[in-house]
């Protein structure tokens, strides 16, 4: 059951890529010359701020967040917010395909953390599954060995993967085992919005752009989709169900996200364009999508096949 809900979270996250791309096209058509850095930061404020507002009545249903829920929610906001900020800036300095591939570095980092904390080598199943995921990610992203040069963009993306690793480990920490997913998700969303608000205001061409960026029905609708499905829905599933699997297993499950994205871009861009009047062309099914996605799915099936009971936590204890 946890695996199903985490895969569902990946399906919801996968929606964000075509939606954010259409939102960027819609905003730049209304505000030509506005920098992508500002729009990337503004989107985080808008989607997570709206997500926090949606969760307010649910987060206080039983007396509000506890001290440990507050602590975990803010740590998740910090790791997730820093990771997304570095990933977004890294995209300005490297190819999107390279960024997508390097982001999956947490699949390698998590087994290494497990080795260090448990003082034992990863089992053969984990090694094979990790290799399949990295190969599938490289094929799906179109990365070739000659493309991998460590410049600013590549380095920022690798550091972002490290922050995403910390986010996964924070959810596995035994001290937070009794935390409720809804208050934690509210605090995470609110924390990310607060983190990016001053950044957006600082890099905005003018303060009024903070309002202008969302001043259209199309923009509002796309932000609402990001808030409801990709922020509240996906992260609520992650925060509730990830603690029920190991961090290493969760890291491999999360690599199914680009597989869903590859499927969505076959039909969603044209559908969104029909509603919003702004979009980009649907992509075509390629051999890389089939083979790369197939390897990632095979890795996850391998990890779940006749799975043993939940292994010991590799996250820091109390």
Protein backbone atom coordinates (compact mmCIF):
# COMPACT_ATOMS: atom_id res chain seq x y z
CA UNK A 1 0.00 0.00 0.00
CA UNK A 2 2.73 2.62 0.81
CA UNK A 3 4.42 1.89 -2.53
CA UNK A 4 1.17 2.52 -4.43
CA UNK A 5 0.63 5.90 -2.76
CA UNK A 6 4.25 6.96 -3.29
CA UNK A 7 3.96 6.08 -6.98
CA UNK A 8 0.74 8.12 -7.05
CA UNK A 9 2.71 11.02 -5.56
CA UNK A 10 5.22 10.68 -8.42
CA UNK A 11 2.33 10.73 -10.90
CA UNK A 12 1.15 14.02 -9.38
CA UNK A 13 4.67 15.50 -9.33
CA UNK A 14 5.05 14.56 -12.98
CA UNK A 15 2.21 16.93 -13.85
CA UNK A 16 4.27 19.89 -12.69
CA UNK A 17 6.74 19.83 -15.60
CA UNK A 18 4.29 20.49 -18.49
CA UNK A 19 2.16 22.78 -16.29
CA UNK A 20 5.15 24.91 -15.22
CA UNK A 21 6.36 25.13 -18.81
CA UNK A 22 2.95 26.39 -20.03
CA UNK A 23 2.79 28.82 -17.08
CA UNK A 24 6.23 30.16 -17.99
CA UNK A 25 5.13 30.68 -21.62
CA UNK A 26 1.93 32.42 -20.49
CA UNK A 27 3.76 34.74 -18.11
CA UNK A 28 6.57 35.67 -20.51
CA UNK A 29 4.00 36.49 -23.21
CA UNK A 30 2.39 38.99 -20.80
CA UNK A 31 5.68 40.23 -19.31
CA UNK A 32 8.35 40.09 -22.01
CA UNK A 33 11.89 40.44 -20.76
CA UNK A 34 11.20 39.18 -17.22
CA UNK A 35 14.00 36.91 -16.00
CA UNK A 36 13.44 33.20 -15.56
CA UNK A 37 15.03 33.35 -12.08
CA UNK A 38 12.26 35.65 -10.83
CA UNK A 39 9.50 33.51 -12.35
CA UNK A 40 11.00 30.32 -10.90
CA UNK A 41 11.09 31.85 -7.40
CA UNK A 42 7.63 33.41 -7.77
CA UNK A 43 6.08 30.06 -8.72
CA UNK A 44 7.33 28.52 -5.46
CA UNK A 45 5.74 31.33 -3.44
CA UNK A 46 2.45 31.07 -5.33
CA UNK A 47 2.02 27.28 -5.44
CA UNK A 48 3.18 26.53 -1.90
CA UNK A 49 1.52 29.61 -0.45
CA UNK A 50 -1.81 28.55 -1.97
CA UNK A 51 -1.14 25.01 -0.79
CA UNK A 52 -0.62 26.24 2.78
CA UNK A 53 -3.91 28.17 2.65
CA UNK A 54 -5.75 25.05 1.46
CA UNK A 55 -4.35 23.04 4.38
CA UNK A 56 -4.99 25.62 7.16
CA UNK A 57 -8.37 24.21 8.35
CA UNK A 58 -7.08 20.62 8.24
CA UNK A 59 -3.79 21.33 10.01
CA UNK A 60 -5.61 22.75 13.05
CA UNK A 61 -8.33 20.13 13.19
CA UNK A 62 -6.92 18.51 16.36
CA UNK A 63 -5.31 21.43 18.12
CA UNK A 64 -2.66 22.40 15.62
CA UNK A 65 0.87 21.09 14.99
CA UNK A 66 2.94 19.64 17.82
CA UNK A 67 6.52 20.69 18.54
CA UNK A 68 7.96 17.72 16.62
CA UNK A 69 5.59 18.34 13.69
CA UNK A 70 6.72 21.97 13.60
CA UNK A 71 10.35 20.87 13.67
CA UNK A 72 9.96 18.28 10.91
CA UNK A 73 7.85 20.55 8.70
CA UNK A 74 10.40 23.35 8.83
CA UNK A 75 13.31 20.97 8.12
CA UNK A 76 11.41 19.62 5.10
CA UNK A 77 10.78 23.19 3.93
CA UNK A 78 14.47 24.04 4.27
CA UNK A 79 15.81 20.96 2.45
CA UNK A 80 13.10 20.99 -0.22
CA UNK A 81 13.25 24.74 -0.73
CA UNK A 82 17.03 24.87 -1.05
CA UNK A 83 17.00 21.85 -3.35
CA UNK A 84 14.41 23.37 -5.68
CA UNK A 85 16.19 26.74 -5.69
CA UNK A 86 19.55 25.19 -6.63
CA UNK A 87 17.94 22.92 -9.20
CA UNK A 88 16.16 25.89 -10.82
CA UNK A 89 19.35 27.99 -10.96
CA UNK A 90 21.35 25.01 -12.20
CA UNK A 91 18.95 24.67 -15.13
CA UNK A 92 20.08 28.11 -16.31
CA UNK A 93 23.65 26.82 -16.62
CA UNK A 94 23.26 23.27 -17.95
CA UNK A 95 21.02 21.26 -20.25
CA UNK A 96 17.65 20.14 -18.87
CA UNK A 97 18.49 16.53 -19.75
CA UNK A 98 21.73 16.69 -17.76
CA UNK A 99 19.88 18.27 -14.81
CA UNK A 100 17.21 15.56 -14.86
CA UNK A 101 19.87 12.85 -14.85
CA UNK A 102 22.06 14.37 -12.12
CA UNK A 103 19.04 15.01 -9.86
CA UNK A 104 18.70 11.22 -9.57
CA UNK A 105 22.05 11.15 -7.76
CA UNK A 106 20.12 10.61 -4.53
CA UNK A 107 19.59 7.02 -5.74
CA UNK A 108 23.33 6.53 -5.23
CA UNK A 109 23.69 8.72 -2.14
CA UNK A 110 20.99 6.91 -0.12
CA UNK A 111 22.53 3.40 -0.42
CA UNK A 112 25.90 4.92 0.53
CA UNK A 113 24.34 6.49 3.63
CA UNK A 114 22.82 3.11 4.46
CA UNK A 115 26.23 1.44 4.14
CA UNK A 116 27.84 3.95 6.50
CA UNK A 117 25.12 3.92 9.17
CA UNK A 118 24.40 0.19 9.14
CA UNK A 119 28.07 -0.72 8.51
CA UNK A 120 27.30 -3.23 5.83
CA UNK A 121 27.37 -3.35 2.05
CA UNK A 122 24.12 -2.87 0.10
CA UNK A 123 22.47 -6.10 -1.01
CA UNK A 124 22.64 -7.22 -4.62
CA UNK A 125 19.04 -6.24 -5.30
CA UNK A 126 19.71 -2.61 -4.32
CA UNK A 127 22.92 -2.44 -6.38
CA UNK A 128 21.21 -3.81 -9.50
CA UNK A 129 18.13 -1.60 -9.05
CA UNK A 130 20.27 1.52 -8.60
CA UNK A 131 22.28 0.69 -11.73
CA UNK A 132 19.05 0.16 -13.71
CA UNK A 133 17.67 3.50 -12.51
CA UNK A 134 20.83 5.42 -13.44
CA UNK A 135 20.95 3.76 -16.87
CA UNK A 136 17.23 4.41 -17.42
CA UNK A 137 17.59 8.03 -16.32
CA UNK A 138 20.50 8.56 -18.70
CA UNK A 139 18.54 7.11 -21.64
CA UNK A 140 15.34 8.98 -20.75
CA UNK A 141 17.24 12.27 -20.40
CA UNK A 142 19.30 11.74 -23.55
CA UNK A 143 22.57 12.16 -21.64
CA UNK A 144 25.78 10.84 -23.20
CA UNK A 145 29.10 10.29 -21.36
CA UNK A 146 30.67 13.24 -23.20
CA UNK A 147 27.91 15.56 -21.95
CA UNK A 148 28.88 15.23 -18.28
CA UNK A 149 31.15 18.14 -17.41
CA UNK A 150 31.15 19.55 -13.89
CA UNK A 151 30.46 23.24 -14.26
CA UNK A 152 28.30 25.58 -12.18
CA UNK A 153 25.00 24.08 -13.33
CA UNK A 154 26.10 20.48 -12.81
CA UNK A 155 27.57 21.24 -9.39
CA UNK A 156 24.42 23.06 -8.24
CA UNK A 157 22.26 20.15 -9.41
CA UNK A 158 24.39 17.63 -7.50
CA UNK A 159 24.13 19.76 -4.34
CA UNK A 160 20.36 19.95 -4.92
CA UNK A 161 20.27 16.14 -5.05
CA UNK A 162 22.05 16.12 -1.68
CA UNK A 163 19.36 18.40 -0.21
CA UNK A 164 16.63 16.13 -1.64
CA UNK A 165 18.43 13.23 0.05
CA UNK A 166 18.23 15.09 3.37
CA UNK A 167 14.52 15.65 2.77
CA UNK A 168 13.99 11.89 2.30
CA UNK A 169 16.04 11.08 5.40
CA UNK A 170 14.11 13.63 7.47
CA UNK A 171 10.91 11.72 6.74
CA UNK A 172 12.53 8.45 7.86
CA UNK A 173 13.85 9.84 11.16
CA UNK A 174 12.40 7.66 13.99
CA UNK A 175 11.83 10.66 16.28
CA UNK A 176 9.09 11.87 13.92
CA UNK A 177 7.32 8.49 13.66
CA UNK A 178 4.16 9.71 15.44
CA UNK A 179 3.88 12.94 13.43
CA UNK A 180 0.72 13.54 11.39
CA UNK A 181 1.15 14.13 7.68
CA UNK A 182 -1.31 17.02 7.29
CA UNK A 183 0.23 19.49 9.81
CA UNK A 184 3.72 18.59 8.59
CA UNK A 185 2.72 19.23 4.97
CA UNK A 186 1.10 22.56 5.92
CA UNK A 187 4.27 23.69 7.69
CA UNK A 188 6.44 22.56 4.79
CA UNK A 189 4.31 24.47 2.25
CA UNK A 190 4.19 27.60 4.42
CA UNK A 191 7.93 27.38 5.07
CA UNK A 192 8.82 27.14 1.37
CA UNK A 193 6.53 30.10 0.54
CA UNK A 194 8.15 32.21 3.29
CA UNK A 195 11.63 31.16 2.15
CA UNK A 196 11.05 32.23 -1.46
CA UNK A 197 9.03 35.42 -0.83
CA UNK A 198 12.00 37.68 0.00
CA UNK A 199 14.01 36.07 -2.82
CA UNK A 200 11.21 36.86 -5.29
CA UNK A 201 10.91 40.44 -4.02
CA UNK A 202 14.69 40.93 -4.19
CA UNK A 203 15.13 39.77 -7.80
CA UNK A 204 11.83 41.14 -9.17
CA UNK A 205 12.31 43.89 -11.81
CA UNK A 206 9.82 45.88 -9.73
CA UNK A 207 7.73 45.02 -6.68
CA UNK A 208 4.48 45.20 -8.66
CA UNK A 209 5.61 42.17 -10.66
CA UNK A 210 4.79 40.01 -7.61
CA UNK A 211 1.12 40.71 -8.39
CA UNK A 212 1.36 41.04 -12.17
CA UNK A 213 2.87 37.56 -12.54
CA UNK A 214 -0.39 35.97 -11.39
CA UNK A 215 -2.80 38.58 -12.78
CA UNK A 216 -4.58 36.42 -15.37
CA UNK A 217 -7.15 33.64 -15.21
CA UNK A 218 -4.80 31.26 -17.02
CA UNK A 219 -1.98 31.94 -14.56
CA UNK A 220 -4.28 31.55 -11.56
CA UNK A 221 -5.70 28.29 -12.90
CA UNK A 222 -2.27 26.78 -13.58
CA UNK A 223 -1.04 27.80 -10.11
CA UNK A 224 -4.16 26.19 -8.61
CA UNK A 225 -3.33 22.92 -10.41
CA UNK A 226 0.23 23.06 -9.06
CA UNK A 227 -1.01 23.84 -5.54
CA UNK A 228 -3.75 21.19 -5.34
CA UNK A 229 -2.15 18.28 -7.18
CA UNK A 230 1.63 18.82 -7.24
CA UNK A 231 2.06 20.48 -3.82
CA UNK A 232 -0.74 19.48 -1.43
CA UNK A 233 -1.62 16.15 -3.04
CA UNK A 234 1.88 14.88 -3.84
CA UNK A 235 3.64 16.06 -0.68
CA UNK A 236 0.81 14.94 1.59
CA UNK A 237 1.14 11.44 0.14
CA UNK A 238 4.93 11.61 0.52
CA UNK A 239 4.83 12.85 4.12
CA UNK A 240 2.22 10.27 5.20
CA UNK A 241 3.45 7.16 3.40
CA UNK A 242 7.22 7.49 2.93
CA UNK A 243 8.01 6.75 6.61
CA UNK A 244 6.52 3.29 6.03
CA UNK A 245 9.29 2.28 3.60
CA UNK A 246 13.08 2.57 3.77
CA UNK A 247 14.76 5.74 2.53
CA UNK A 248 16.70 3.77 -0.11
CA UNK A 249 13.51 2.19 -1.42
CA UNK A 250 11.72 5.55 -1.43
CA UNK A 251 14.56 7.13 -3.43
CA UNK A 252 14.18 4.48 -6.12
CA UNK A 253 10.38 4.81 -6.19
CA UNK A 254 10.69 8.57 -6.72
CA UNK A 255 12.61 7.96 -9.95
CA UNK A 256 9.31 6.97 -11.59
CA UNK A 257 8.43 10.70 -11.73
CA UNK A 258 10.16 11.34 -15.11
CA UNK A 259 8.41 8.26 -16.50
CA UNK A 260 5.03 9.84 -15.76
CA UNK A 261 6.23 13.17 -17.17
CA UNK A 262 7.29 11.44 -20.38
CA UNK A 263 3.77 10.09 -20.69
CA UNK A 264 2.03 13.39 -19.90
CA UNK A 265 3.92 15.38 -22.55
CA UNK A 266 2.44 13.12 -25.21
CA UNK A 267 -1.01 14.71 -24.80
CA UNK A 268 -1.23 17.35 -22.02
CA UNK A 269 0.39 20.38 -23.76
CA UNK A 270 -2.30 20.52 -26.45
CA UNK A 271 -5.09 20.01 -23.89
CA UNK A 272 -3.79 22.85 -21.72
CA UNK A 273 -3.40 25.08 -24.77
CA UNK A 274 -7.03 24.47 -25.71
CA UNK A 275 -8.13 25.71 -22.27
CA UNK A 276 -5.60 28.48 -21.61
CA UNK A 277 -4.85 29.60 -25.15
CA UNK A 278 -1.13 29.12 -24.45
CA UNK A 279 0.89 25.95 -24.81
CA UNK A 280 3.51 24.06 -26.72
CA UNK A 281 3.35 21.08 -29.03
CA UNK A 282 2.81 17.55 -27.79
CA UNK A 283 5.92 15.40 -27.81
CA UNK A 284 6.18 12.08 -29.63
CA UNK A 285 6.78 8.63 -28.20
CA UNK A 286 10.42 7.68 -28.72
CA UNK A 287 12.55 4.61 -28.22
CA UNK A 288 14.38 6.45 -25.43
CA UNK A 289 11.10 6.95 -23.52
CA UNK A 290 10.21 3.27 -23.83
CA UNK A 291 13.65 1.85 -23.01
CA UNK A 292 14.60 4.39 -20.31
CA UNK A 293 11.19 4.24 -18.65
CA UNK A 294 11.22 0.45 -18.89
CA UNK A 295 14.54 0.21 -17.02
CA UNK A 296 13.30 2.48 -14.22
CA UNK A 297 10.07 0.51 -13.86
CA UNK A 298 12.02 -2.77 -13.89
CA UNK A 299 14.21 -1.46 -11.06
CA UNK A 300 11.18 -0.68 -8.93
CA UNK A 301 9.54 -4.03 -9.63
CA UNK A 302 12.82 -5.70 -8.63
CA UNK A 303 12.88 -3.79 -5.32
CA UNK A 304 9.32 -4.87 -4.51
CA UNK A 305 9.55 -8.52 -5.63
CA UNK A 306 9.05 -10.74 -2.53
CA UNK A 307 10.15 -7.85 -0.36
CA UNK A 308 11.44 -8.56 3.15
CA UNK A 309 10.01 -6.64 6.16
CA UNK A 310 10.87 -2.97 6.58
CA UNK A 311 14.67 -2.69 7.10
CA UNK A 312 16.24 -0.61 9.91
CA UNK A 313 16.14 3.18 9.55
CA UNK A 314 19.25 4.86 8.14
CA UNK A 315 18.13 8.33 9.23
CA UNK A 316 19.65 9.98 12.32
CA UNK A 317 17.95 8.98 15.56
CA UNK A 318 16.65 11.29 18.31
